[in-house]
Amino acid sequence: MKYINSKKIDNIKLTKDNFYILIDFDRTLTKGNSISGWRVLYYSGLLGDDFTKEYDKIHDKHYETYEYRFKAYLDLLHEKNLDNEIIKAAVRKTNLQLRGGAKEFFRQNEKI
């Protein structure tokens, strides 16, 4: 996972081969009784207590749009140097459960 700010984005030619965004804010991919994709890092404890406190502040604050909240979350993850290894460890440590067909959806879209 890489954090791309507006200065960097102008220097990168984004294509289907080098850029993906996956957001499960409405539980399209996770089961209803599972934690959401957003909460995997929160409940894993891998990013420390200060991460959960800052996450809670962002979550509880009123924002004009979801875009502002999403940017605040991404900035927080960037500060924590989030990478693929942390994400994998967090998923293993928590109770993330995918809906039926989600794995096939991922595999199918790897080919796009």
PDB file of N, CA and C in Angstrom:
ATOM      1  N   MET A   1       0.843  -1.171   0.000  1.00  0.00           N
ATOM      2  CA  MET A   1       0.000   0.000   0.000  1.00  0.00           C
ATOM      3  C   MET A   1       0.881   1.224   0.000  1.00  0.00           C
ATOM      4  N   LYS A   2       0.529   2.177  -0.810  1.00  0.00           N
ATOM      5  CA  LYS A   2       1.281   3.413  -0.866  1.00  0.00           C
ATOM      6  C   LYS A   2       0.340   4.590  -0.685  1.00  0.00           C
ATOM      7  N   TYR A   3       0.805   5.592  -0.007  1.00  0.00           N
ATOM      8  CA  TYR A   3       0.047   6.815   0.172  1.00  0.00           C
ATOM      9  C   TYR A   3       0.451   7.768  -0.948  1.00  0.00           C
ATOM     10  N   ILE A   4      -0.521   8.284  -1.654  1.00  0.00           N
ATOM     11  CA  ILE A   4      -0.236   9.176  -2.775  1.00  0.00           C
ATOM     12  C   ILE A   4      -0.882  10.526  -2.487  1.00  0.00           C
ATOM     13  N   ASN A   5      -0.080  11.557  -2.330  1.00  0.00           N
ATOM     14  CA  ASN A   5      -0.652  12.880  -2.112  1.00  0.00           C
ATOM     15  C   ASN A   5      -0.798  13.602  -3.456  1.00  0.00           C
ATOM     16  N   SER A   6      -1.388  14.767  -3.431  1.00  0.00           N
ATOM     17  CA  SER A   6      -1.684  15.478  -4.681  1.00  0.00           C
ATOM     18  C   SER A   6      -0.418  15.866  -5.452  1.00  0.00           C
ATOM     19  N   LYS A   7       0.688  16.096  -4.768  1.00  0.00           N
ATOM     20  CA  LYS A   7       1.937  16.428  -5.464  1.00  0.00           C
ATOM     21  C   LYS A   7       2.465  15.225  -6.233  1.00  0.00           C
ATOM     22  N   LYS A   8       2.365  14.056  -5.624  1.00  0.00           N
ATOM     23  CA  LYS A   8       2.852  12.844  -6.273  1.00  0.00           C
ATOM     24  C   LYS A   8       1.939  12.393  -7.411  1.00  0.00           C
ATOM     25  N   ILE A   9       0.660  12.613  -7.265  1.00  0.00           N
ATOM     26  CA  ILE A   9      -0.309  12.099  -8.233  1.00  0.00           C
ATOM     27  C   ILE A   9      -0.064  12.647  -9.641  1.00  0.00           C
ATOM     28  N   ASP A  10       0.417  13.876  -9.736  1.00  0.00           N
ATOM     29  CA  ASP A  10       0.673  14.469 -11.044  1.00  0.00           C
ATOM     30  C   ASP A  10       1.834  13.784 -11.777  1.00  0.00           C
ATOM     31  N   ASN A  11       2.711  13.125 -11.030  1.00  0.00           N
ATOM     32  CA  ASN A  11       3.874  12.471 -11.627  1.00  0.00           C
ATOM     33  C   ASN A  11       3.650  10.991 -11.921  1.00  0.00           C
ATOM     34  N   ILE A  12       2.468  10.483 -11.629  1.00  0.00           N
ATOM     35  CA  ILE A  12       2.180   9.068 -11.808  1.00  0.00           C
ATOM     36  C   ILE A  12       1.082   8.905 -12.852  1.00  0.00           C
ATOM     37  N   LYS A  13       1.315   8.047 -13.800  1.00  0.00           N
ATOM     38  CA  LYS A  13       0.274   7.716 -14.766  1.00  0.00           C
ATOM     39  C   LYS A  13      -0.492   6.527 -14.201  1.00  0.00           C
ATOM     40  N   LEU A  14      -1.676   6.788 -13.675  1.00  0.00           N
ATOM     41  CA  LEU A  14      -2.459   5.735 -13.059  1.00  0.00           C
ATOM     42  C   LEU A  14      -3.168   4.909 -14.120  1.00  0.00           C
ATOM     43  N   THR A  15      -3.071   3.602 -13.952  1.00  0.00           N
ATOM     44  CA  THR A  15      -3.743   2.672 -14.848  1.00  0.00           C
ATOM     45  C   THR A  15      -4.384   1.576 -14.009  1.00  0.00           C
ATOM     46  N   LYS A  16      -5.111   0.707 -14.667  1.00  0.00           N
ATOM     47  CA  LYS A  16      -5.723  -0.423 -13.968  1.00  0.00           C
ATOM     48  C   LYS A  16      -4.671  -1.367 -13.390  1.00  0.00           C
ATOM     49  N   ASP A  17      -3.441  -1.270 -13.849  1.00  0.00           N
ATOM     50  CA  ASP A  17      -2.385  -2.158 -13.387  1.00  0.00           C
ATOM     51  C   ASP A  17      -1.623  -1.646 -12.174  1.00  0.00           C
ATOM     52  N   ASN A  18      -1.772  -0.358 -11.834  1.00  0.00           N
ATOM     53  CA  ASN A  18      -0.968   0.157 -10.730  1.00  0.00           C
ATOM     54  C   ASN A  18      -1.763   0.911  -9.668  1.00  0.00           C
ATOM     55  N   PHE A  19      -3.090   0.863  -9.740  1.00  0.00           N
ATOM     56  CA  PHE A  19      -3.852   1.626  -8.756  1.00  0.00           C
ATOM     57  C   PHE A  19      -5.166   0.933  -8.434  1.00  0.00           C
ATOM     58  N   TYR A  20      -5.376   0.639  -7.155  1.00  0.00           N
ATOM     59  CA  TYR A  20      -6.615   0.032  -6.686  1.00  0.00           C
ATOM     60  C   TYR A  20      -7.047   0.728  -5.406  1.00  0.00           C
ATOM     61  N   ILE A  21      -8.331   0.863  -5.252  1.00  0.00           N
ATOM     62  CA  ILE A  21      -8.900   1.357  -3.998  1.00  0.00           C
ATOM     63  C   ILE A  21      -9.992   0.383  -3.605  1.00  0.00           C
ATOM     64  N   LEU A  22      -9.934  -0.075  -2.380  1.00  0.00           N
ATOM     65  CA  LEU A  22     -10.966  -0.969  -1.884  1.00  0.00           C
ATOM     66  C   LEU A  22     -11.482  -0.390  -0.578  1.00  0.00           C
ATOM     67  N   ILE A  23     -12.764  -0.082  -0.562  1.00  0.00           N
ATOM     68  CA  ILE A  23     -13.384   0.477   0.630  1.00  0.00           C
ATOM     69  C   ILE A  23     -14.647  -0.325   0.916  1.00  0.00           C
ATOM     70  N   ASP A  24     -14.775  -0.780   2.136  1.00  0.00           N
ATOM     71  CA  ASP A  24     -15.929  -1.599   2.521  1.00  0.00           C
ATOM     72  C   ASP A  24     -16.766  -0.864   3.561  1.00  0.00           C
ATOM     73  N   PHE A  25     -17.068   0.397   3.299  1.00  0.00           N
ATOM     74  CA  PHE A  25     -17.785   1.193   4.296  1.00  0.00           C
ATOM     75  C   PHE A  25     -19.232   0.756   4.468  1.00  0.00           C
ATOM     76  N   ASP A  26     -19.799   0.080   3.492  1.00  0.00           N
ATOM     77  CA  ASP A  26     -21.202  -0.316   3.592  1.00  0.00           C
ATOM     78  C   ASP A  26     -21.383  -1.823   3.707  1.00  0.00           C
ATOM     79  N   ARG A  27     -20.307  -2.526   4.031  1.00  0.00           N
ATOM     80  CA  ARG A  27     -20.314  -3.984   4.225  1.00  0.00           C
ATOM     81  C   ARG A  27     -20.760  -4.742   2.981  1.00  0.00           C
ATOM     82  N   THR A  28     -20.383  -4.252   1.834  1.00  0.00           N
ATOM     83  CA  THR A  28     -20.649  -4.953   0.590  1.00  0.00           C
ATOM     84  C   THR A  28     -19.843  -6.241   0.531  1.00  0.00           C
ATOM     85  N   LEU A  29     -18.640  -6.206   1.084  1.00  0.00           N
ATOM     86  CA  LEU A  29     -17.741  -7.354   1.015  1.00  0.00           C
ATOM     87  C   LEU A  29     -17.685  -8.166   2.299  1.00  0.00           C
ATOM     88  N   THR A  30     -17.957  -7.537   3.441  1.00  0.00           N
ATOM     89  CA  THR A  30     -17.878  -8.242   4.721  1.00  0.00           C
ATOM     90  C   THR A  30     -19.269  -8.641   5.199  1.00  0.00           C
ATOM     91  N   LYS A  31     -19.310  -9.740   5.949  1.00  0.00           N
ATOM     92  CA  LYS A  31     -20.576 -10.223   6.496  1.00  0.00           C
ATOM     93  C   LYS A  31     -21.077  -9.261   7.567  1.00  0.00           C
ATOM     94  N   GLY A  32     -22.363  -9.266   7.768  1.00  0.00           N
ATOM     95  CA  GLY A  32     -22.979  -8.371   8.747  1.00  0.00           C
ATOM     96  C   GLY A  32     -22.497  -8.577  10.167  1.00  0.00           C
ATOM     97  N   ASN A  33     -22.138  -9.812  10.541  1.00  0.00           N
ATOM     98  CA  ASN A  33     -21.675 -10.076  11.902  1.00  0.00           C
ATOM     99  C   ASN A  33     -20.156  -9.957  12.038  1.00  0.00           C
ATOM    100  N   SER A  34     -19.495  -9.567  10.973  1.00  0.00           N
ATOM    101  CA  SER A  34     -18.045  -9.383  10.973  1.00  0.00           C
ATOM    102  C   SER A  34     -17.721  -7.926  11.267  1.00  0.00           C
ATOM    103  N   ILE A  35     -16.496  -7.683  11.722  1.00  0.00           N
ATOM    104  CA  ILE A  35     -16.067  -6.293  11.796  1.00  0.00           C
ATOM    105  C   ILE A  35     -15.911  -5.796  10.367  1.00  0.00           C
ATOM    106  N   SER A  36     -15.997  -4.508  10.184  1.00  0.00           N
ATOM    107  CA  SER A  36     -15.861  -3.940   8.839  1.00  0.00           C
ATOM    108  C   SER A  36     -14.392  -3.859   8.449  1.00  0.00           C
ATOM    109  N   GLY A  37     -14.166  -3.653   7.185  1.00  0.00           N
ATOM    110  CA  GLY A  37     -12.807  -3.495   6.696  1.00  0.00           C
ATOM    111  C   GLY A  37     -12.082  -2.349   7.374  1.00  0.00           C
ATOM    112  N   TRP A  38     -12.809  -1.271   7.679  1.00  0.00           N
ATOM    113  CA  TRP A  38     -12.203  -0.118   8.355  1.00  0.00           C
ATOM    114  C   TRP A  38     -11.734  -0.471   9.764  1.00  0.00           C
ATOM    115  N   ARG A  39     -12.494  -1.328  10.436  1.00  0.00           N
ATOM    116  CA  ARG A  39     -12.203  -1.612  11.838  1.00  0.00           C
ATOM    117  C   ARG A  39     -11.144  -2.687  12.058  1.00  0.00           C
ATOM    118  N   VAL A  40     -10.695  -3.353  11.012  1.00  0.00           N
ATOM    119  CA  VAL A  40      -9.668  -4.383  11.160  1.00  0.00           C
ATOM    120  C   VAL A  40      -8.427  -3.808  11.833  1.00  0.00           C
ATOM    121  N   LEU A  41      -7.954  -2.682  11.343  1.00  0.00           N
ATOM    122  CA  LEU A  41      -6.756  -2.075  11.924  1.00  0.00           C
ATOM    123  C   LEU A  41      -7.027  -1.554  13.331  1.00  0.00           C
ATOM    124  N   TYR A  42      -8.209  -1.029  13.540  1.00  0.00           N
ATOM    125  CA  TYR A  42      -8.599  -0.491  14.841  1.00  0.00           C
ATOM    126  C   TYR A  42      -8.555  -1.583  15.915  1.00  0.00           C
ATOM    127  N   TYR A  43      -9.224  -2.709  15.659  1.00  0.00           N
ATOM    128  CA  TYR A  43      -9.319  -3.771  16.659  1.00  0.00           C
ATOM    129  C   TYR A  43      -8.080  -4.650  16.748  1.00  0.00           C
ATOM    130  N   SER A  44      -7.234  -4.623  15.751  1.00  0.00           N
ATOM    131  CA  SER A  44      -6.041  -5.469  15.793  1.00  0.00           C
ATOM    132  C   SER A  44      -5.057  -5.010  16.858  1.00  0.00           C
ATOM    133  N   GLY A  45      -5.040  -3.709  17.161  1.00  0.00           N
ATOM    134  CA  GLY A  45      -4.097  -3.167  18.133  1.00  0.00           C
ATOM    135  C   GLY A  45      -2.687  -3.013  17.594  1.00  0.00           C
ATOM    136  N   LEU A  46      -2.480  -3.323  16.334  1.00  0.00           N
ATOM    137  CA  LEU A  46      -1.133  -3.301  15.762  1.00  0.00           C
ATOM    138  C   LEU A  46      -0.573  -1.898  15.541  1.00  0.00           C
ATOM    139  N   LEU A  47      -1.431  -0.902  15.515  1.00  0.00           N
ATOM    140  CA  LEU A  47      -0.961   0.465  15.283  1.00  0.00           C
ATOM    141  C   LEU A  47      -0.904   1.299  16.559  1.00  0.00           C
ATOM    142  N   GLY A  48      -1.187   0.669  17.695  1.00  0.00           N
ATOM    143  CA  GLY A  48      -1.028   1.332  18.983  1.00  0.00           C
ATOM    144  C   GLY A  48      -2.257   2.074  19.485  1.00  0.00           C
ATOM    145  N   ASP A  49      -2.216   2.416  20.768  1.00  0.00           N
ATOM    146  CA  ASP A  49      -3.327   3.120  21.415  1.00  0.00           C
ATOM    147  C   ASP A  49      -3.547   4.511  20.842  1.00  0.00           C
ATOM    148  N   ASP A  50      -2.463   5.176  20.460  1.00  0.00           N
ATOM    149  CA  ASP A  50      -2.623   6.521  19.915  1.00  0.00           C
ATOM    150  C   ASP A  50      -3.389   6.474  18.584  1.00  0.00           C
ATOM    151  N   PHE A  51      -3.242   5.388  17.829  1.00  0.00           N
ATOM    152  CA  PHE A  51      -4.012   5.240  16.590  1.00  0.00           C
ATOM    153  C   PHE A  51      -5.501   5.159  16.901  1.00  0.00           C
ATOM    154  N   THR A  52      -5.877   4.318  17.878  1.00  0.00           N
ATOM    155  CA  THR A  52      -7.304   4.166  18.178  1.00  0.00           C
ATOM    156  C   THR A  52      -7.898   5.463  18.725  1.00  0.00           C
ATOM    157  N   LYS A  53      -7.129   6.198  19.518  1.00  0.00           N
ATOM    158  CA  LYS A  53      -7.622   7.486  20.041  1.00  0.00           C
ATOM    159  C   LYS A  53      -7.842   8.490  18.906  1.00  0.00           C
ATOM    160  N   GLU A  54      -6.884   8.582  17.993  1.00  0.00           N
ATOM    161  CA  GLU A  54      -7.029   9.505  16.859  1.00  0.00           C
ATOM    162  C   GLU A  54      -8.153   9.061  15.935  1.00  0.00           C
ATOM    163  N   TYR A  55      -8.277   7.751  15.728  1.00  0.00           N
ATOM    164  CA  TYR A  55      -9.359   7.216  14.903  1.00  0.00           C
ATOM    165  C   TYR A  55     -10.713   7.610  15.501  1.00  0.00           C
ATOM    166  N   ASP A  56     -10.843   7.456  16.818  1.00  0.00           N
ATOM    167  CA  ASP A  56     -12.094   7.816  17.492  1.00  0.00           C
ATOM    168  C   ASP A  56     -12.409   9.307  17.326  1.00  0.00           C
ATOM    169  N   LYS A  57     -11.394  10.146  17.426  1.00  0.00           N
ATOM    170  CA  LYS A  57     -11.612  11.586  17.231  1.00  0.00           C
ATOM    171  C   LYS A  57     -12.142  11.873  15.834  1.00  0.00           C
ATOM    172  N   ILE A  58     -11.547  11.221  14.842  1.00  0.00           N
ATOM    173  CA  ILE A  58     -11.999  11.410  13.460  1.00  0.00           C
ATOM    174  C   ILE A  58     -13.427  10.886  13.307  1.00  0.00           C
ATOM    175  N   HIS A  59     -13.676   9.716  13.861  1.00  0.00           N
ATOM    176  CA  HIS A  59     -14.994   9.085  13.731  1.00  0.00           C
ATOM    177  C   HIS A  59     -16.095   9.925  14.384  1.00  0.00           C
ATOM    178  N   ASP A  60     -15.782  10.536  15.524  1.00  0.00           N
ATOM    179  CA  ASP A  60     -16.788  11.281  16.282  1.00  0.00           C
ATOM    180  C   ASP A  60     -16.984  12.717  15.803  1.00  0.00           C
ATOM    181  N   LYS A  61     -16.042  13.216  15.045  1.00  0.00           N
ATOM    182  CA  LYS A  61     -16.124  14.597  14.574  1.00  0.00           C
ATOM    183  C   LYS A  61     -17.131  14.717  13.425  1.00  0.00           C
ATOM    184  N   HIS A  62     -17.847  15.822  13.393  1.00  0.00           N
ATOM    185  CA  HIS A  62     -18.778  16.071  12.290  1.00  0.00           C
ATOM    186  C   HIS A  62     -17.999  16.677  11.128  1.00  0.00           C
ATOM    187  N   TYR A  63     -18.144  16.071   9.970  1.00  0.00           N
ATOM    188  CA  TYR A  63     -17.504  16.568   8.758  1.00  0.00           C
ATOM    189  C   TYR A  63     -18.575  16.975   7.763  1.00  0.00           C
ATOM    190  N   GLU A  64     -18.243  17.951   6.920  1.00  0.00           N
ATOM    191  CA  GLU A  64     -19.187  18.393   5.894  1.00  0.00           C
ATOM    192  C   GLU A  64     -19.540  17.250   4.948  1.00  0.00           C
ATOM    193  N   THR A  65     -18.548  16.475   4.569  1.00  0.00           N
ATOM    194  CA  THR A  65     -18.770  15.341   3.669  1.00  0.00           C
ATOM    195  C   THR A  65     -17.918  14.167   4.128  1.00  0.00           C
ATOM    196  N   TYR A  66     -18.241  13.003   3.595  1.00  0.00           N
ATOM    197  CA  TYR A  66     -17.424  11.821   3.880  1.00  0.00           C
ATOM    198  C   TYR A  66     -16.018  11.965   3.313  1.00  0.00           C
ATOM    199  N   GLU A  67     -15.869  12.781   2.293  1.00  0.00           N
ATOM    200  CA  GLU A  67     -14.557  12.995   1.683  1.00  0.00           C
ATOM    201  C   GLU A  67     -13.566  13.530   2.717  1.00  0.00           C
ATOM    202  N   TYR A  68     -13.995  14.472   3.549  1.00  0.00           N
ATOM    203  CA  TYR A  68     -13.108  15.039   4.573  1.00  0.00           C
ATOM    204  C   TYR A  68     -12.732  13.988   5.611  1.00  0.00           C
ATOM    205  N   ARG A  69     -13.713  13.185   6.024  1.00  0.00           N
ATOM    206  CA  ARG A  69     -13.438  12.139   7.002  1.00  0.00           C
ATOM    207  C   ARG A  69     -12.490  11.100   6.403  1.00  0.00           C
ATOM    208  N   PHE A  70     -12.747  10.701   5.174  1.00  0.00           N
ATOM    209  CA  PHE A  70     -11.913   9.718   4.500  1.00  0.00           C
ATOM    210  C   PHE A  70     -10.476  10.217   4.398  1.00  0.00           C
ATOM    211  N   LYS A  71     -10.301  11.489   4.046  1.00  0.00           N
ATOM    212  CA  LYS A  71      -8.950  12.063   3.962  1.00  0.00           C
ATOM    213  C   LYS A  71      -8.269  12.038   5.329  1.00  0.00           C
ATOM    214  N   ALA A  72      -9.013  12.351   6.374  1.00  0.00           N
ATOM    215  CA  ALA A  72      -8.432  12.326   7.723  1.00  0.00           C
ATOM    216  C   ALA A  72      -7.994  10.913   8.098  1.00  0.00           C
ATOM    217  N   TYR A  73      -8.813   9.909   7.762  1.00  0.00           N
ATOM    218  CA  TYR A  73      -8.426   8.522   8.019  1.00  0.00           C
ATOM    219  C   TYR A  73      -7.148   8.164   7.256  1.00  0.00           C
ATOM    220  N   LEU A  74      -7.107   8.527   5.980  1.00  0.00           N
ATOM    221  CA  LEU A  74      -5.931   8.206   5.168  1.00  0.00           C
ATOM    222  C   LEU A  74      -4.679   8.900   5.690  1.00  0.00           C
ATOM    223  N   ASP A  75      -4.824  10.144   6.120  1.00  0.00           N
ATOM    224  CA  ASP A  75      -3.675  10.858   6.693  1.00  0.00           C
ATOM    225  C   ASP A  75      -3.172  10.139   7.950  1.00  0.00           C
ATOM    226  N   LEU A  76      -4.105   9.673   8.768  1.00  0.00           N
ATOM    227  CA  LEU A  76      -3.727   8.952   9.983  1.00  0.00           C
ATOM    228  C   LEU A  76      -2.997   7.649   9.631  1.00  0.00           C
ATOM    229  N   LEU A  77      -3.505   6.919   8.655  1.00  0.00           N
ATOM    230  CA  LEU A  77      -2.846   5.678   8.242  1.00  0.00           C
ATOM    231  C   LEU A  77      -1.459   5.956   7.672  1.00  0.00           C
ATOM    232  N   HIS A  78      -1.324   7.054   6.967  1.00  0.00           N
ATOM    233  CA  HIS A  78      -0.019   7.429   6.413  1.00  0.00           C
ATOM    234  C   HIS A  78       0.969   7.726   7.537  1.00  0.00           C
ATOM    235  N   GLU A  79       0.510   8.411   8.562  1.00  0.00           N
ATOM    236  CA  GLU A  79       1.381   8.717   9.713  1.00  0.00           C
ATOM    237  C   GLU A  79       1.888   7.441  10.376  1.00  0.00           C
ATOM    238  N   LYS A  80       1.093   6.391  10.314  1.00  0.00           N
ATOM    239  CA  LYS A  80       1.447   5.129  10.962  1.00  0.00           C
ATOM    240  C   LYS A  80       2.266   4.211  10.055  1.00  0.00           C
ATOM    241  N   ASN A  81       2.606   4.696   8.863  1.00  0.00           N
ATOM    242  CA  ASN A  81       3.404   3.903   7.920  1.00  0.00           C
ATOM    243  C   ASN A  81       2.770   2.547   7.631  1.00  0.00           C
ATOM    244  N   LEU A  82       1.484   2.570   7.393  1.00  0.00           N
ATOM    245  CA  LEU A  82       0.747   1.347   7.093  1.00  0.00           C
ATOM    246  C   LEU A  82       1.317   0.685   5.841  1.00  0.00           C
ATOM    247  N   ASP A  83       1.501  -0.627   5.915  1.00  0.00           N
ATOM    248  CA  ASP A  83       1.961  -1.366   4.743  1.00  0.00           C
ATOM    249  C   ASP A  83       1.203  -2.690   4.641  1.00  0.00           C
ATOM    250  N   ASN A  84       1.474  -3.435   3.599  1.00  0.00           N
ATOM    251  CA  ASN A  84       0.752  -4.689   3.355  1.00  0.00           C
ATOM    252  C   ASN A  84       0.951  -5.705   4.469  1.00  0.00           C
ATOM    253  N   GLU A  85       2.130  -5.746   5.064  1.00  0.00           N
ATOM    254  CA  GLU A  85       2.393  -6.719   6.140  1.00  0.00           C
ATOM    255  C   GLU A  85       1.523  -6.430   7.365  1.00  0.00           C
ATOM    256  N   ILE A  86       1.348  -5.161   7.704  1.00  0.00           N
ATOM    257  CA  ILE A  86       0.490  -4.797   8.836  1.00  0.00           C
ATOM    258  C   ILE A  86      -0.954  -5.172   8.517  1.00  0.00           C
ATOM    259  N   ILE A  87      -1.386  -4.917   7.302  1.00  0.00           N
ATOM    260  CA  ILE A  87      -2.760  -5.255   6.909  1.00  0.00           C
ATOM    261  C   ILE A  87      -2.984  -6.761   7.010  1.00  0.00           C
ATOM    262  N   LYS A  88      -2.060  -7.546   6.491  1.00  0.00           N
ATOM    263  CA  LYS A  88      -2.192  -9.005   6.557  1.00  0.00           C
ATOM    264  C   LYS A  88      -2.241  -9.484   8.005  1.00  0.00           C
ATOM    265  N   ALA A  89      -1.369  -8.950   8.848  1.00  0.00           N
ATOM    266  CA  ALA A  89      -1.344  -9.348  10.258  1.00  0.00           C
ATOM    267  C   ALA A  89      -2.643  -8.957  10.956  1.00  0.00           C
ATOM    268  N   ALA A  90      -3.178  -7.793  10.631  1.00  0.00           N
ATOM    269  CA  ALA A  90      -4.427  -7.331  11.245  1.00  0.00           C
ATOM    270  C   ALA A  90      -5.589  -8.234  10.852  1.00  0.00           C
ATOM    271  N   VAL A  91      -5.650  -8.628   9.602  1.00  0.00           N
ATOM    272  CA  VAL A  91      -6.722  -9.519   9.146  1.00  0.00           C
ATOM    273  C   VAL A  91      -6.624 -10.859   9.856  1.00  0.00           C
ATOM    274  N   ARG A  92      -5.404 -11.393   9.997  1.00  0.00           N
ATOM    275  CA  ARG A  92      -5.222 -12.675  10.698  1.00  0.00           C
ATOM    276  C   ARG A  92      -5.620 -12.572  12.170  1.00  0.00           C
ATOM    277  N   LYS A  93      -5.404 -11.405  12.766  1.00  0.00           N
ATOM    278  CA  LYS A  93      -5.626 -11.227  14.207  1.00  0.00           C
ATOM    279  C   LYS A  93      -7.085 -10.934  14.558  1.00  0.00           C
ATOM    280  N   THR A  94      -7.869 -10.500  13.606  1.00  0.00           N
ATOM    281  CA  THR A  94      -9.250 -10.099  13.881  1.00  0.00           C
ATOM    282  C   THR A  94     -10.244 -11.069  13.256  1.00  0.00           C
ATOM    283  N   ASN A  95     -11.520 -10.770  13.445  1.00  0.00           N
ATOM    284  CA  ASN A  95     -12.587 -11.637  12.977  1.00  0.00           C
ATOM    285  C   ASN A  95     -13.226 -11.083  11.695  1.00  0.00           C
ATOM    286  N   LEU A  96     -12.414 -10.760  10.715  1.00  0.00           N
ATOM    287  CA  LEU A  96     -12.930 -10.273   9.446  1.00  0.00           C
ATOM    288  C   LEU A  96     -13.480 -11.452   8.658  1.00  0.00           C
ATOM    289  N   GLN A  97     -14.736 -11.363   8.252  1.00  0.00           N
ATOM    290  CA  GLN A  97     -15.367 -12.428   7.480  1.00  0.00           C
ATOM    291  C   GLN A  97     -15.946 -11.845   6.203  1.00  0.00           C
ATOM    292  N   LEU A  98     -15.562 -12.440   5.085  1.00  0.00           N
ATOM    293  CA  LEU A  98     -16.059 -11.968   3.798  1.00  0.00           C
ATOM    294  C   LEU A  98     -17.389 -12.628   3.451  1.00  0.00           C
ATOM    295  N   ARG A  99     -18.219 -11.902   2.710  1.00  0.00           N
ATOM    296  CA  ARG A  99     -19.459 -12.473   2.197  1.00  0.00           C
ATOM    297  C   ARG A  99     -19.137 -13.519   1.144  1.00  0.00           C
ATOM    298  N   GLY A 100     -20.093 -14.393   0.914  1.00  0.00           N
ATOM    299  CA  GLY A 100     -19.950 -15.387  -0.144  1.00  0.00           C
ATOM    300  C   GLY A 100     -19.719 -14.698  -1.480  1.00  0.00           C
ATOM    301  N   GLY A 101     -18.773 -15.187  -2.235  1.00  0.00           N
ATOM    302  CA  GLY A 101     -18.469 -14.626  -3.544  1.00  0.00           C
ATOM    303  C   GLY A 101     -17.429 -13.524  -3.538  1.00  0.00           C
ATOM    304  N   ALA A 102     -17.032 -13.028  -2.368  1.00  0.00           N
ATOM    305  CA  ALA A 102     -16.070 -11.918  -2.308  1.00  0.00           C
ATOM    306  C   ALA A 102     -14.700 -12.343  -2.832  1.00  0.00           C
ATOM    307  N   LYS A 103     -14.245 -13.531  -2.456  1.00  0.00           N
ATOM    308  CA  LYS A 103     -12.927 -13.981  -2.929  1.00  0.00           C
ATOM    309  C   LYS A 103     -12.925 -14.135  -4.447  1.00  0.00           C
ATOM    310  N   GLU A 104     -14.014 -14.660  -4.998  1.00  0.00           N
ATOM    311  CA  GLU A 104     -14.118 -14.799  -6.452  1.00  0.00           C
ATOM    312  C   GLU A 104     -14.133 -13.430  -7.124  1.00  0.00           C
ATOM    313  N   PHE A 105     -14.794 -12.471  -6.487  1.00  0.00           N
ATOM    314  CA  PHE A 105     -14.823 -11.101  -6.997  1.00  0.00           C
ATOM    315  C   PHE A 105     -13.407 -10.537  -7.088  1.00  0.00           C
ATOM    316  N   PHE A 106     -12.607 -10.746  -6.036  1.00  0.00           N
ATOM    317  CA  PHE A 106     -11.228 -10.261  -6.044  1.00  0.00           C
ATOM    318  C   PHE A 106     -10.415 -10.932  -7.140  1.00  0.00           C
ATOM    319  N   ARG A 107     -10.553 -12.257  -7.236  1.00  0.00           N
ATOM    320  CA  ARG A 107      -9.792 -12.993  -8.258  1.00  0.00           C
ATOM    321  C   ARG A 107     -10.177 -12.537  -9.661  1.00  0.00           C
ATOM    322  N   GLN A 108     -11.460 -12.332  -9.891  1.00  0.00           N
ATOM    323  CA  GLN A 108     -11.930 -11.908 -11.211  1.00  0.00           C
ATOM    324  C   GLN A 108     -11.383 -10.533 -11.562  1.00  0.00           C
ATOM    325  N   ASN A 109     -11.323  -9.653 -10.588  1.00  0.00           N
ATOM    326  CA  ASN A 109     -10.866  -8.289 -10.843  1.00  0.00           C
ATOM    327  C   ASN A 109      -9.356  -8.160 -10.886  1.00  0.00           C
ATOM    328  N   GLU A 110      -8.626  -9.183 -10.455  1.00  0.00           N
ATOM    329  CA  GLU A 110      -7.171  -9.182 -10.625  1.00  0.00           C
ATOM    330  C   GLU A 110      -6.803  -9.214 -12.100  1.00  0.00           C
ATOM    331  N   LYS A 111      -7.682  -9.787 -12.894  1.00  0.00           N
ATOM    332  CA  LYS A 111      -7.414  -9.966 -14.314  1.00  0.00           C
ATOM    333  C   LYS A 111      -7.767  -8.756 -15.149  1.00  0.00           C
ATOM    334  N   ILE A 112      -8.506  -7.834 -14.580  1.00  0.00           N
ATOM    335  CA  ILE A 112      -8.960  -6.646 -15.331  1.00  0.00           C
ATOM    336  C   ILE A 112      -7.815  -5.700 -15.577  1.00  0.00           C
TER     337      ILE A 112
END
